[in-house]
Every structure is written in C-alpha cells, then in structure tokens.
All heavy atoms as atom14 arrays in JSON, in Angstrom:
{
  "sequence": "GLGLALAAASPAGNRTHVPLDRWLSALVGCAAAAAALALAGLRRPPGR",
  "atom14_mask": [
    [1, 1, 1, 1, 0, 0, 0, 0, 0, 0, 0, 0, 0, 0],
    [1, 1, 1, 1, 1, 1, 1, 1, 0, 0, 0, 0, 0, 0],
    [1, 1, 1, 1, 0, 0, 0, 0, 0, 0, 0, 0, 0, 0],
    [1, 1, 1, 1, 1, 1, 1, 1, 0, 0, 0, 0, 0, 0],
    [1, 1, 1, 1, 1, 0, 0, 0, 0, 0, 0, 0, 0, 0],
    [1, 1, 1, 1, 1, 1, 1, 1, 0, 0, 0, 0, 0, 0],
    [1, 1, 1, 1, 1, 0, 0, 0, 0, 0, 0, 0, 0, 0],
    [1, 1, 1, 1, 1, 0, 0, 0, 0, 0, 0, 0, 0, 0],
    [1, 1, 1, 1, 1, 0, 0, 0, 0, 0, 0, 0, 0, 0],
    [1, 1, 1, 1, 1, 1, 0, 0, 0, 0, 0, 0, 0, 0],
    [1, 1, 1, 1, 1, 1, 1, 0, 0, 0, 0, 0, 0, 0],
    [1, 1, 1, 1, 1, 0, 0, 0, 0, 0, 0, 0, 0, 0],
    [1, 1, 1, 1, 0, 0, 0, 0, 0, 0, 0, 0, 0, 0],
    [1, 1, 1, 1, 1, 1, 1, 1, 0, 0, 0, 0, 0, 0],
    [1, 1, 1, 1, 1, 1, 1, 1, 1, 1, 1, 0, 0, 0],
    [1, 1, 1, 1, 1, 1, 1, 0, 0, 0, 0, 0, 0, 0],
    [1, 1, 1, 1, 1, 1, 1, 1, 1, 1, 0, 0, 0, 0],
    [1, 1, 1, 1, 1, 1, 1, 0, 0, 0, 0, 0, 0, 0],
    [1, 1, 1, 1, 1, 1, 1, 0, 0, 0, 0, 0, 0, 0],
    [1, 1, 1, 1, 1, 1, 1, 1, 0, 0, 0, 0, 0, 0],
    [1, 1, 1, 1, 1, 1, 1, 1, 0, 0, 0, 0, 0, 0],
    [1, 1, 1, 1, 1, 1, 1, 1, 1, 1, 1, 0, 0, 0],
    [1, 1, 1, 1, 1, 1, 1, 1, 1, 1, 1, 1, 1, 1],
    [1, 1, 1, 1, 1, 1, 1, 1, 0, 0, 0, 0, 0, 0],
    [1, 1, 1, 1, 1, 1, 0, 0, 0, 0, 0, 0, 0, 0],
    [1, 1, 1, 1, 1, 0, 0, 0, 0, 0, 0, 0, 0, 0],
    [1, 1, 1, 1, 1, 1, 1, 1, 0, 0, 0, 0, 0, 0],
    [1, 1, 1, 1, 1, 1, 1, 0, 0, 0, 0, 0, 0, 0],
    [1, 1, 1, 1, 0, 0, 0, 0, 0, 0, 0, 0, 0, 0],
    [1, 1, 1, 1, 1, 1, 0, 0, 0, 0, 0, 0, 0, 0],
    [1, 1, 1, 1, 1, 0, 0, 0, 0, 0, 0, 0, 0, 0],
    [1, 1, 1, 1, 1, 0, 0, 0, 0, 0, 0, 0, 0, 0],
    [1, 1, 1, 1, 1, 0, 0, 0, 0, 0, 0, 0, 0, 0],
    [1, 1, 1, 1, 1, 0, 0, 0, 0, 0, 0, 0, 0, 0],
    [1, 1, 1, 1, 1, 0, 0, 0, 0, 0, 0, 0, 0, 0],
    [1, 1, 1, 1, 1, 0, 0, 0, 0, 0, 0, 0, 0, 0],
    [1, 1, 1, 1, 1, 1, 1, 1, 0, 0, 0, 0, 0, 0],
    [1, 1, 1, 1, 1, 0, 0, 0, 0, 0, 0, 0, 0, 0],
    [1, 1, 1, 1, 1, 1, 1, 1, 0, 0, 0, 0, 0, 0],
    [1, 1, 1, 1, 1, 0, 0, 0, 0, 0, 0, 0, 0, 0],
    [1, 1, 1, 1, 0, 0, 0, 0, 0, 0, 0, 0, 0, 0],
    [1, 1, 1, 1, 1, 1, 1, 1, 0, 0, 0, 0, 0, 0],
    [1, 1, 1, 1, 1, 1, 1, 1, 1, 1, 1, 0, 0, 0],
    [1, 1, 1, 1, 1, 1, 1, 1, 1, 1, 1, 0, 0, 0],
    [1, 1, 1, 1, 1, 1, 1, 0, 0, 0, 0, 0, 0, 0],
    [1, 1, 1, 1, 1, 1, 1, 0, 0, 0, 0, 0, 0, 0],
    [1, 1, 1, 1, 0, 0, 0, 0, 0, 0, 0, 0, 0, 0],
    [1, 1, 1, 1, 1, 1, 1, 1, 1, 1, 1, 0, 0, 0]
  ],
  "atom14_positions": [
    [[28.62, 2.1, -7.5], [27.66, 1.64, -8.51], [26.49, 2.6, -8.64], [25.97, 2.81, -9.74], [0.0, 0.0, 0.0], [0.0, 0.0, 0.0], [0.0, 0.0, 0.0], [0.0, 0.0, 0.0], [0.0, 0.0, 0.0], [0.0, 0.0, 0.0], [0.0, 0.0, 0.0], [0.0, 0.0, 0.0], [0.0, 0.0, 0.0], [0.0, 0.0, 0.0]],
    [[26.09, 3.18, -7.51], [25.02, 4.17, -7.55], [25.4, 5.37, -8.4], [24.59, 5.86, -9.19], [24.7, 4.63, -6.12], [23.77, 5.84, -5.98], [22.4, 5.51, -6.53], [23.68, 6.26, -4.53], [0.0, 0.0, 0.0], [0.0, 0.0, 0.0], [0.0, 0.0, 0.0], [0.0, 0.0, 0.0], [0.0, 0.0, 0.0], [0.0, 0.0, 0.0]],
    [[26.63, 5.82, -8.25], [27.08, 6.95, -9.06], [27.03, 6.65, -10.54], [26.62, 7.49, -11.35], [0.0, 0.0, 0.0], [0.0, 0.0, 0.0], [0.0, 0.0, 0.0], [0.0, 0.0, 0.0], [0.0, 0.0, 0.0], [0.0, 0.0, 0.0], [0.0, 0.0, 0.0], [0.0, 0.0, 0.0], [0.0, 0.0, 0.0], [0.0, 0.0, 0.0]],
    [[27.44, 5.45, -10.92], [27.36, 5.05, -12.32], [25.92, 4.99, -12.8], [25.6, 5.37, -13.93], [28.04, 3.68, -12.5], [29.56, 3.66, -12.29], [30.08, 2.23, -12.4], [30.26, 4.55, -13.31], [0.0, 0.0, 0.0], [0.0, 0.0, 0.0], [0.0, 0.0, 0.0], [0.0, 0.0, 0.0], [0.0, 0.0, 0.0], [0.0, 0.0, 0.0]],
    [[25.03, 4.47, -11.94], [23.63, 4.38, -12.31], [23.04, 5.77, -12.55], [22.28, 5.98, -13.51], [22.84, 3.64, -11.23], [0.0, 0.0, 0.0], [0.0, 0.0, 0.0], [0.0, 0.0, 0.0], [0.0, 0.0, 0.0], [0.0, 0.0, 0.0], [0.0, 0.0, 0.0], [0.0, 0.0, 0.0], [0.0, 0.0, 0.0], [0.0, 0.0, 0.0]],
    [[23.39, 6.71, -11.69], [22.89, 8.07, -11.86], [23.42, 8.71, -13.13], [22.71, 9.44, -13.83], [23.28, 8.91, -10.64], [22.47, 8.68, -9.37], [23.1, 9.43, -8.21], [21.03, 9.12, -9.56], [0.0, 0.0, 0.0], [0.0, 0.0, 0.0], [0.0, 0.0, 0.0], [0.0, 0.0, 0.0], [0.0, 0.0, 0.0], [0.0, 0.0, 0.0]],
    [[24.69, 8.42, -13.43], [25.29, 9.0, -14.63], [24.64, 8.46, -15.89], [24.5, 9.16, -16.89], [26.78, 8.72, -14.64], [0.0, 0.0, 0.0], [0.0, 0.0, 0.0], [0.0, 0.0, 0.0], [0.0, 0.0, 0.0], [0.0, 0.0, 0.0], [0.0, 0.0, 0.0], [0.0, 0.0, 0.0], [0.0, 0.0, 0.0], [0.0, 0.0, 0.0]],
    [[24.25, 7.18, -15.85], [23.68, 6.54, -17.04], [22.17, 6.68, -17.12], [21.57, 6.33, -18.13], [24.05, 5.05, -17.04], [0.0, 0.0, 0.0], [0.0, 0.0, 0.0], [0.0, 0.0, 0.0], [0.0, 0.0, 0.0], [0.0, 0.0, 0.0], [0.0, 0.0, 0.0], [0.0, 0.0, 0.0], [0.0, 0.0, 0.0], [0.0, 0.0, 0.0]],
    [[21.55, 7.2, -16.04], [20.09, 7.2, -15.99], [19.47, 8.2, -16.95], [18.35, 7.98, -17.4], [19.63, 7.51, -14.56], [0.0, 0.0, 0.0], [0.0, 0.0, 0.0], [0.0, 0.0, 0.0], [0.0, 0.0, 0.0], [0.0, 0.0, 0.0], [0.0, 0.0, 0.0], [0.0, 0.0, 0.0], [0.0, 0.0, 0.0], [0.0, 0.0, 0.0]],
    [[20.18, 9.28, -17.24], [19.64, 10.33, -18.11], [18.25, 10.76, -17.67], [17.26, 10.48, -18.32], [19.58, 9.83, -19.55], [19.16, 10.85, -20.41], [0.0, 0.0, 0.0], [0.0, 0.0, 0.0], [0.0, 0.0, 0.0], [0.0, 0.0, 0.0], [0.0, 0.0, 0.0], [0.0, 0.0, 0.0], [0.0, 0.0, 0.0], [0.0, 0.0, 0.0]],
    [[18.14, 11.43, -16.52], [16.84, 11.74, -15.98], [16.04, 12.8, -16.71], [15.0, 13.2, -16.26], [17.18, 12.23, -14.56], [18.55, 12.76, -14.66], [19.23, 11.94, -15.71], [0.0, 0.0, 0.0], [0.0, 0.0, 0.0], [0.0, 0.0, 0.0], [0.0, 0.0, 0.0], [0.0, 0.0, 0.0], [0.0, 0.0, 0.0], [0.0, 0.0, 0.0]],
    [[16.48, 13.22, -17.88], [15.7, 14.19, -18.65], [14.4, 13.63, -19.08], [14.06, 12.91, -18.8], [16.47, 14.58, -19.9], [0.0, 0.0, 0.0], [0.0, 0.0, 0.0], [0.0, 0.0, 0.0], [0.0, 0.0, 0.0], [0.0, 0.0, 0.0], [0.0, 0.0, 0.0], [0.0, 0.0, 0.0], [0.0, 0.0, 0.0], [0.0, 0.0, 0.0]],
    [[13.52, 13.37, -19.43], [12.32, 12.7, -19.76], [11.62, 12.18, -18.56], [12.17, 11.4, -17.83], [0.0, 0.0, 0.0], [0.0, 0.0, 0.0], [0.0, 0.0, 0.0], [0.0, 0.0, 0.0], [0.0, 0.0, 0.0], [0.0, 0.0, 0.0], [0.0, 0.0, 0.0], [0.0, 0.0, 0.0], [0.0, 0.0, 0.0], [0.0, 0.0, 0.0]],
    [[10.41, 12.62, -18.34], [9.66, 12.23, -17.15], [8.21, 11.97, -17.51], [7.3, 12.69, -17.13], [9.76, 13.35, -16.1], [9.22, 12.88, -14.75], [9.18, 11.7, -14.46], [8.81, 13.86, -13.96], [0.0, 0.0, 0.0], [0.0, 0.0, 0.0], [0.0, 0.0, 0.0], [0.0, 0.0, 0.0], [0.0, 0.0, 0.0], [0.0, 0.0, 0.0]],
    [[8.01, 10.94, -18.28], [6.67, 10.63, -18.75], [5.75, 10.31, -17.58], [6.09, 9.55, -16.7], [6.74, 9.44, -19.7], [5.4, 9.1, -20.33], [5.61, 8.02, -21.37], [4.38, 7.74, -22.09], [4.31, 7.02, -23.17], [5.41, 6.48, -23.67], [3.17, 6.8, -23.77], [0.0, 0.0, 0.0], [0.0, 0.0, 0.0], [0.0, 0.0, 0.0]],
    [[4.57, 10.9, -17.55], [3.69, 10.73, -16.39], [2.78, 9.52, -16.49], [2.59, 8.84, -15.51], [2.81, 11.96, -16.22], [3.13, 12.95, -17.12], [2.92, 12.5, -14.88], [0.0, 0.0, 0.0], [0.0, 0.0, 0.0], [0.0, 0.0, 0.0], [0.0, 0.0, 0.0], [0.0, 0.0, 0.0], [0.0, 0.0, 0.0], [0.0, 0.0, 0.0]],
    [[2.18, 9.26, -17.64], [1.21, 8.18, -17.75], [1.72, 7.09, -18.69], [2.38, 7.36, -19.69], [-0.13, 8.74, -18.24], [-0.72, 9.76, -17.31], [-1.08, 9.46, -16.02], [-0.99, 11.07, -17.48], [-1.55, 10.56, -15.43], [-1.5, 11.55, -16.3], [0.0, 0.0, 0.0], [0.0, 0.0, 0.0], [0.0, 0.0, 0.0], [0.0, 0.0, 0.0]],
    [[1.35, 5.87, -18.38], [1.81, 4.7, -19.13], [0.6, 3.99, -19.72], [-0.4, 3.82, -19.02], [2.6, 3.75, -18.21], [3.03, 2.5, -18.95], [3.81, 4.46, -17.62], [0.0, 0.0, 0.0], [0.0, 0.0, 0.0], [0.0, 0.0, 0.0], [0.0, 0.0, 0.0], [0.0, 0.0, 0.0], [0.0, 0.0, 0.0], [0.0, 0.0, 0.0]],
    [[0.67, 3.56, -20.98], [-0.46, 2.83, -21.58], [-0.77, 1.54, -20.82], [0.11, 0.9, -20.25], [0.04, 2.53, -23.01], [1.12, 3.53, -23.26], [1.75, 3.8, -21.94], [0.0, 0.0, 0.0], [0.0, 0.0, 0.0], [0.0, 0.0, 0.0], [0.0, 0.0, 0.0], [0.0, 0.0, 0.0], [0.0, 0.0, 0.0], [0.0, 0.0, 0.0]],
    [[-2.04, 1.15, -20.85], [-2.5, -0.02, -20.08], [-1.84, -1.31, -20.55], [-1.53, -2.18, -19.74], [-4.02, -0.14, -20.19], [-4.66, -1.29, -19.4], [-4.35, -1.16, -17.91], [-6.16, -1.33, -19.64], [0.0, 0.0, 0.0], [0.0, 0.0, 0.0], [0.0, 0.0, 0.0], [0.0, 0.0, 0.0], [0.0, 0.0, 0.0], [0.0, 0.0, 0.0]],
    [[-1.59, -1.44, -21.87], [-1.0, -2.69, -22.36], [0.4, -2.91, -21.79], [0.79, -4.05, -21.51], [-0.98, -2.71, -23.89], [-0.19, -1.53, -24.47], [-0.08, -0.49, -23.78], [0.31, -1.67, -25.59], [0.0, 0.0, 0.0], [0.0, 0.0, 0.0], [0.0, 0.0, 0.0], [0.0, 0.0, 0.0], [0.0, 0.0, 0.0], [0.0, 0.0, 0.0]],
    [[1.14, -1.83, -21.58], [2.46, -1.97, -20.97], [2.36, -2.32, -19.5], [3.18, -3.07, -18.96], [3.27, -0.69, -21.16], [3.57, -0.4, -22.62], [4.62, 0.67, -22.77], [4.89, 0.92, -24.17], [5.86, 1.69, -24.61], [6.66, 2.28, -23.74], [6.04, 1.88, -25.9], [0.0, 0.0, 0.0], [0.0, 0.0, 0.0], [0.0, 0.0, 0.0]],
    [[1.35, -1.77, -18.84], [1.15, -2.1, -17.43], [0.82, -3.57, -17.25], [1.28, -4.2, -16.29], [0.03, -1.25, -16.84], [0.47, 0.05, -16.24], [0.05, 1.3, -16.57], [1.42, 0.22, -15.19], [0.68, 2.25, -15.8], [1.53, 1.61, -14.94], [2.21, -0.66, -14.44], [2.38, 2.13, -13.97], [3.07, -0.14, -13.48], [3.14, 1.24, -13.25]],
    [[0.03, -4.14, -18.15], [-0.36, -5.54, -18.0], [0.85, -6.47, -18.03], [0.98, -7.36, -17.17], [-1.35, -5.92, -19.12], [-2.74, -5.28, -19.01], [-3.59, -5.64, -20.23], [-3.43, -5.72, -17.73], [0.0, 0.0, 0.0], [0.0, 0.0, 0.0], [0.0, 0.0, 0.0], [0.0, 0.0, 0.0], [0.0, 0.0, 0.0], [0.0, 0.0, 0.0]],
    [[1.74, -6.25, -18.98], [2.92, -7.1, -19.04], [3.83, -6.87, -17.84], [4.43, -7.81, -17.31], [3.69, -6.83, -20.34], [4.11, -5.47, -20.41], [0.0, 0.0, 0.0], [0.0, 0.0, 0.0], [0.0, 0.0, 0.0], [0.0, 0.0, 0.0], [0.0, 0.0, 0.0], [0.0, 0.0, 0.0], [0.0, 0.0, 0.0], [0.0, 0.0, 0.0]],
    [[3.91, -5.63, -17.37], [4.74, -5.33, -16.21], [4.18, -5.99, -14.95], [4.92, -6.57, -14.15], [4.83, -3.82, -16.0], [0.0, 0.0, 0.0], [0.0, 0.0, 0.0], [0.0, 0.0, 0.0], [0.0, 0.0, 0.0], [0.0, 0.0, 0.0], [0.0, 0.0, 0.0], [0.0, 0.0, 0.0], [0.0, 0.0, 0.0], [0.0, 0.0, 0.0]],
    [[2.86, -5.94, -14.78], [2.24, -6.54, -13.6], [2.43, -8.05, -13.58], [2.75, -8.64, -12.53], [0.74, -6.2, -13.57], [0.39, -4.73, -13.31], [-1.09, -4.48, -13.52], [0.8, -4.32, -11.9], [0.0, 0.0, 0.0], [0.0, 0.0, 0.0], [0.0, 0.0, 0.0], [0.0, 0.0, 0.0], [0.0, 0.0, 0.0], [0.0, 0.0, 0.0]],
    [[2.25, -8.68, -14.73], [2.43, -10.13, -14.8], [3.88, -10.5, -14.53], [4.17, -11.44, -13.77], [1.99, -10.66, -16.19], [2.38, -12.12, -16.36], [0.48, -10.5, -16.35], [0.0, 0.0, 0.0], [0.0, 0.0, 0.0], [0.0, 0.0, 0.0], [0.0, 0.0, 0.0], [0.0, 0.0, 0.0], [0.0, 0.0, 0.0], [0.0, 0.0, 0.0]],
    [[4.8, -9.79, -15.13], [6.22, -10.08, -14.93], [6.66, -9.9, -13.49], [7.38, -10.73, -12.92], [0.0, 0.0, 0.0], [0.0, 0.0, 0.0], [0.0, 0.0, 0.0], [0.0, 0.0, 0.0], [0.0, 0.0, 0.0], [0.0, 0.0, 0.0], [0.0, 0.0, 0.0], [0.0, 0.0, 0.0], [0.0, 0.0, 0.0], [0.0, 0.0, 0.0]],
    [[6.22, -8.81, -12.85], [6.58, -8.56, -11.45], [5.97, -9.6, -10.53], [6.63, -10.08, -9.58], [6.14, -7.16, -11.03], [7.18, -5.84, -11.66], [0.0, 0.0, 0.0], [0.0, 0.0, 0.0], [0.0, 0.0, 0.0], [0.0, 0.0, 0.0], [0.0, 0.0, 0.0], [0.0, 0.0, 0.0], [0.0, 0.0, 0.0], [0.0, 0.0, 0.0]],
    [[4.72, -9.96, -10.77], [4.07, -10.97, -9.94], [4.79, -12.31, -10.04], [5.02, -12.99, -9.03], [2.6, -11.12, -10.34], [0.0, 0.0, 0.0], [0.0, 0.0, 0.0], [0.0, 0.0, 0.0], [0.0, 0.0, 0.0], [0.0, 0.0, 0.0], [0.0, 0.0, 0.0], [0.0, 0.0, 0.0], [0.0, 0.0, 0.0], [0.0, 0.0, 0.0]],
    [[5.18, -12.68, -11.26], [5.89, -13.94, -11.46], [7.26, -13.93, -10.78], [7.66, -14.9, -10.12], [6.04, -14.23, -12.95], [0.0, 0.0, 0.0], [0.0, 0.0, 0.0], [0.0, 0.0, 0.0], [0.0, 0.0, 0.0], [0.0, 0.0, 0.0], [0.0, 0.0, 0.0], [0.0, 0.0, 0.0], [0.0, 0.0, 0.0], [0.0, 0.0, 0.0]],
    [[7.99, -12.81, -10.93], [9.32, -12.72, -10.32], [9.24, -12.74, -8.8], [10.01, -13.45, -8.13], [10.01, -11.44, -10.8], [0.0, 0.0, 0.0], [0.0, 0.0, 0.0], [0.0, 0.0, 0.0], [0.0, 0.0, 0.0], [0.0, 0.0, 0.0], [0.0, 0.0, 0.0], [0.0, 0.0, 0.0], [0.0, 0.0, 0.0], [0.0, 0.0, 0.0]],
    [[8.3, -11.97, -8.23], [8.16, -11.92, -6.77], [7.74, -13.28, -6.22], [8.26, -13.73, -5.19], [7.15, -10.85, -6.38], [0.0, 0.0, 0.0], [0.0, 0.0, 0.0], [0.0, 0.0, 0.0], [0.0, 0.0, 0.0], [0.0, 0.0, 0.0], [0.0, 0.0, 0.0], [0.0, 0.0, 0.0], [0.0, 0.0, 0.0], [0.0, 0.0, 0.0]],
    [[6.8, -13.94, -6.9], [6.33, -15.25, -6.43], [7.45, -16.28, -6.48], [7.63, -17.08, -5.55], [5.14, -15.71, -7.26], [0.0, 0.0, 0.0], [0.0, 0.0, 0.0], [0.0, 0.0, 0.0], [0.0, 0.0, 0.0], [0.0, 0.0, 0.0], [0.0, 0.0, 0.0], [0.0, 0.0, 0.0], [0.0, 0.0, 0.0], [0.0, 0.0, 0.0]],
    [[8.22, -16.28, -7.57], [9.32, -17.25, -7.7], [10.38, -17.05, -6.63], [10.86, -18.01, -6.02], [9.94, -17.14, -9.1], [0.0, 0.0, 0.0], [0.0, 0.0, 0.0], [0.0, 0.0, 0.0], [0.0, 0.0, 0.0], [0.0, 0.0, 0.0], [0.0, 0.0, 0.0], [0.0, 0.0, 0.0], [0.0, 0.0, 0.0], [0.0, 0.0, 0.0]],
    [[10.74, -15.79, -6.37], [11.75, -15.51, -5.36], [11.24, -15.83, -3.96], [11.98, -16.36, -3.12], [12.15, -14.04, -5.44], [13.01, -13.65, -6.65], [13.05, -12.14, -6.83], [14.41, -14.21, -6.52], [0.0, 0.0, 0.0], [0.0, 0.0, 0.0], [0.0, 0.0, 0.0], [0.0, 0.0, 0.0], [0.0, 0.0, 0.0], [0.0, 0.0, 0.0]],
    [[9.96, -15.51, -3.69], [9.39, -15.81, -2.38], [9.33, -17.31, -2.13], [9.68, -17.79, -1.04], [7.99, -15.2, -2.26], [0.0, 0.0, 0.0], [0.0, 0.0, 0.0], [0.0, 0.0, 0.0], [0.0, 0.0, 0.0], [0.0, 0.0, 0.0], [0.0, 0.0, 0.0], [0.0, 0.0, 0.0], [0.0, 0.0, 0.0], [0.0, 0.0, 0.0]],
    [[8.91, -18.08, -3.13], [8.85, -19.53, -2.97], [10.24, -20.12, -2.77], [10.44, -21.03, -1.95], [8.18, -20.16, -4.2], [6.67, -19.93, -4.31], [6.15, -20.47, -5.65], [5.93, -20.6, -3.15], [0.0, 0.0, 0.0], [0.0, 0.0, 0.0], [0.0, 0.0, 0.0], [0.0, 0.0, 0.0], [0.0, 0.0, 0.0], [0.0, 0.0, 0.0]],
    [[11.21, -19.59, -3.52], [12.59, -20.07, -3.36], [13.1, -19.81, -1.95], [13.8, -20.64, -1.36], [13.5, -19.4, -4.39], [0.0, 0.0, 0.0], [0.0, 0.0, 0.0], [0.0, 0.0, 0.0], [0.0, 0.0, 0.0], [0.0, 0.0, 0.0], [0.0, 0.0, 0.0], [0.0, 0.0, 0.0], [0.0, 0.0, 0.0], [0.0, 0.0, 0.0]],
    [[12.75, -18.66, -1.4], [13.18, -18.33, -0.05], [12.49, -19.17, 1.01], [13.13, -19.65, 1.96], [0.0, 0.0, 0.0], [0.0, 0.0, 0.0], [0.0, 0.0, 0.0], [0.0, 0.0, 0.0], [0.0, 0.0, 0.0], [0.0, 0.0, 0.0], [0.0, 0.0, 0.0], [0.0, 0.0, 0.0], [0.0, 0.0, 0.0], [0.0, 0.0, 0.0]],
    [[11.19, -19.36, 0.87], [10.43, -20.09, 1.87], [10.8, -21.57, 1.91], [10.56, -22.25, 2.91], [8.92, -19.93, 1.61], [8.37, -18.52, 1.84], [6.93, -18.43, 1.39], [8.49, -18.12, 3.31], [0.0, 0.0, 0.0], [0.0, 0.0, 0.0], [0.0, 0.0, 0.0], [0.0, 0.0, 0.0], [0.0, 0.0, 0.0], [0.0, 0.0, 0.0]],
    [[11.36, -22.08, 0.82], [11.78, -23.48, 0.79], [13.12, -23.71, 1.48], [13.53, -24.86, 1.66], [11.86, -23.96, -0.66], [10.49, -24.13, -1.32], [10.62, -24.45, -2.8], [9.31, -24.59, -3.42], [9.11, -24.68, -4.73], [10.16, -24.61, -5.56], [7.9, -24.82, -5.21], [0.0, 0.0, 0.0], [0.0, 0.0, 0.0], [0.0, 0.0, 0.0]],
    [[13.79, -22.64, 1.83], [15.09, -22.76, 2.47], [14.97, -22.56, 3.98], [14.07, -21.85, 4.44], [16.07, -21.74, 1.89], [16.51, -22.08, 0.47], [17.23, -20.92, -0.2], [17.85, -21.32, -1.44], [17.21, -21.48, -2.59], [15.9, -21.26, -2.64], [17.85, -21.84, -3.68], [0.0, 0.0, 0.0], [0.0, 0.0, 0.0], [0.0, 0.0, 0.0]],
    [[15.86, -23.16, 4.75], [15.84, -22.95, 6.21], [16.25, -21.53, 6.54], [16.85, -20.83, 5.72], [16.86, -23.97, 6.72], [17.8, -24.17, 5.57], [16.96, -24.06, 4.33], [0.0, 0.0, 0.0], [0.0, 0.0, 0.0], [0.0, 0.0, 0.0], [0.0, 0.0, 0.0], [0.0, 0.0, 0.0], [0.0, 0.0, 0.0], [0.0, 0.0, 0.0]],
    [[15.95, -21.07, 7.77], [16.36, -19.71, 8.17], [17.87, -19.52, 7.99], [18.67, -20.37, 8.35], [15.97, -19.66, 9.65], [14.83, -20.61, 9.77], [15.15, -21.73, 8.82], [0.0, 0.0, 0.0], [0.0, 0.0, 0.0], [0.0, 0.0, 0.0], [0.0, 0.0, 0.0], [0.0, 0.0, 0.0], [0.0, 0.0, 0.0], [0.0, 0.0, 0.0]],
    [[18.23, -18.41, 7.39], [19.63, -18.13, 7.11], [19.75, -17.1, 6.01], [18.78, -16.45, 5.62], [0.0, 0.0, 0.0], [0.0, 0.0, 0.0], [0.0, 0.0, 0.0], [0.0, 0.0, 0.0], [0.0, 0.0, 0.0], [0.0, 0.0, 0.0], [0.0, 0.0, 0.0], [0.0, 0.0, 0.0], [0.0, 0.0, 0.0], [0.0, 0.0, 0.0]],
    [[20.95, -16.98, 5.47], [21.22, -15.92, 4.5], [20.5, -16.13, 3.17], [20.02, -15.17, 2.57], [22.73, -15.82, 4.29], [23.44, -15.23, 5.49], [24.93, -15.37, 5.39], [25.59, -14.72, 6.53], [26.82, -14.95, 6.89], [27.56, -15.81, 6.22], [27.34, -14.32, 7.92], [0.0, 0.0, 0.0], [0.0, 0.0, 0.0], [0.0, 0.0, 0.0]]
  ]
}
C-alpha cells in the first residue's frame, strides 16, 4: 500500500506556506477527530 501511495502522491509541488483560513479549518477538524477517537478509546476497557 505504501508503494501505491508513493506512486499516486505526485511529489512534484512543494508549497511552503499555507493561508491562515485553511489552517483554521484544518486545526478544528484535527482537534475534533483526535478528541472523538480519544474519547472512544478511553470508554473501552484495556485491550485492542
């Protein structure tokens, strides 16, 4: 799967800076996803 990801990644383009409005949505989305996954895990007993 890694090989496929590298083949499809097209690493040509390497933009250095990102506009603030895009960062805001990314930060909110990541915080929500991490919090939801963490809460789901903490509600379960020790295990897989």
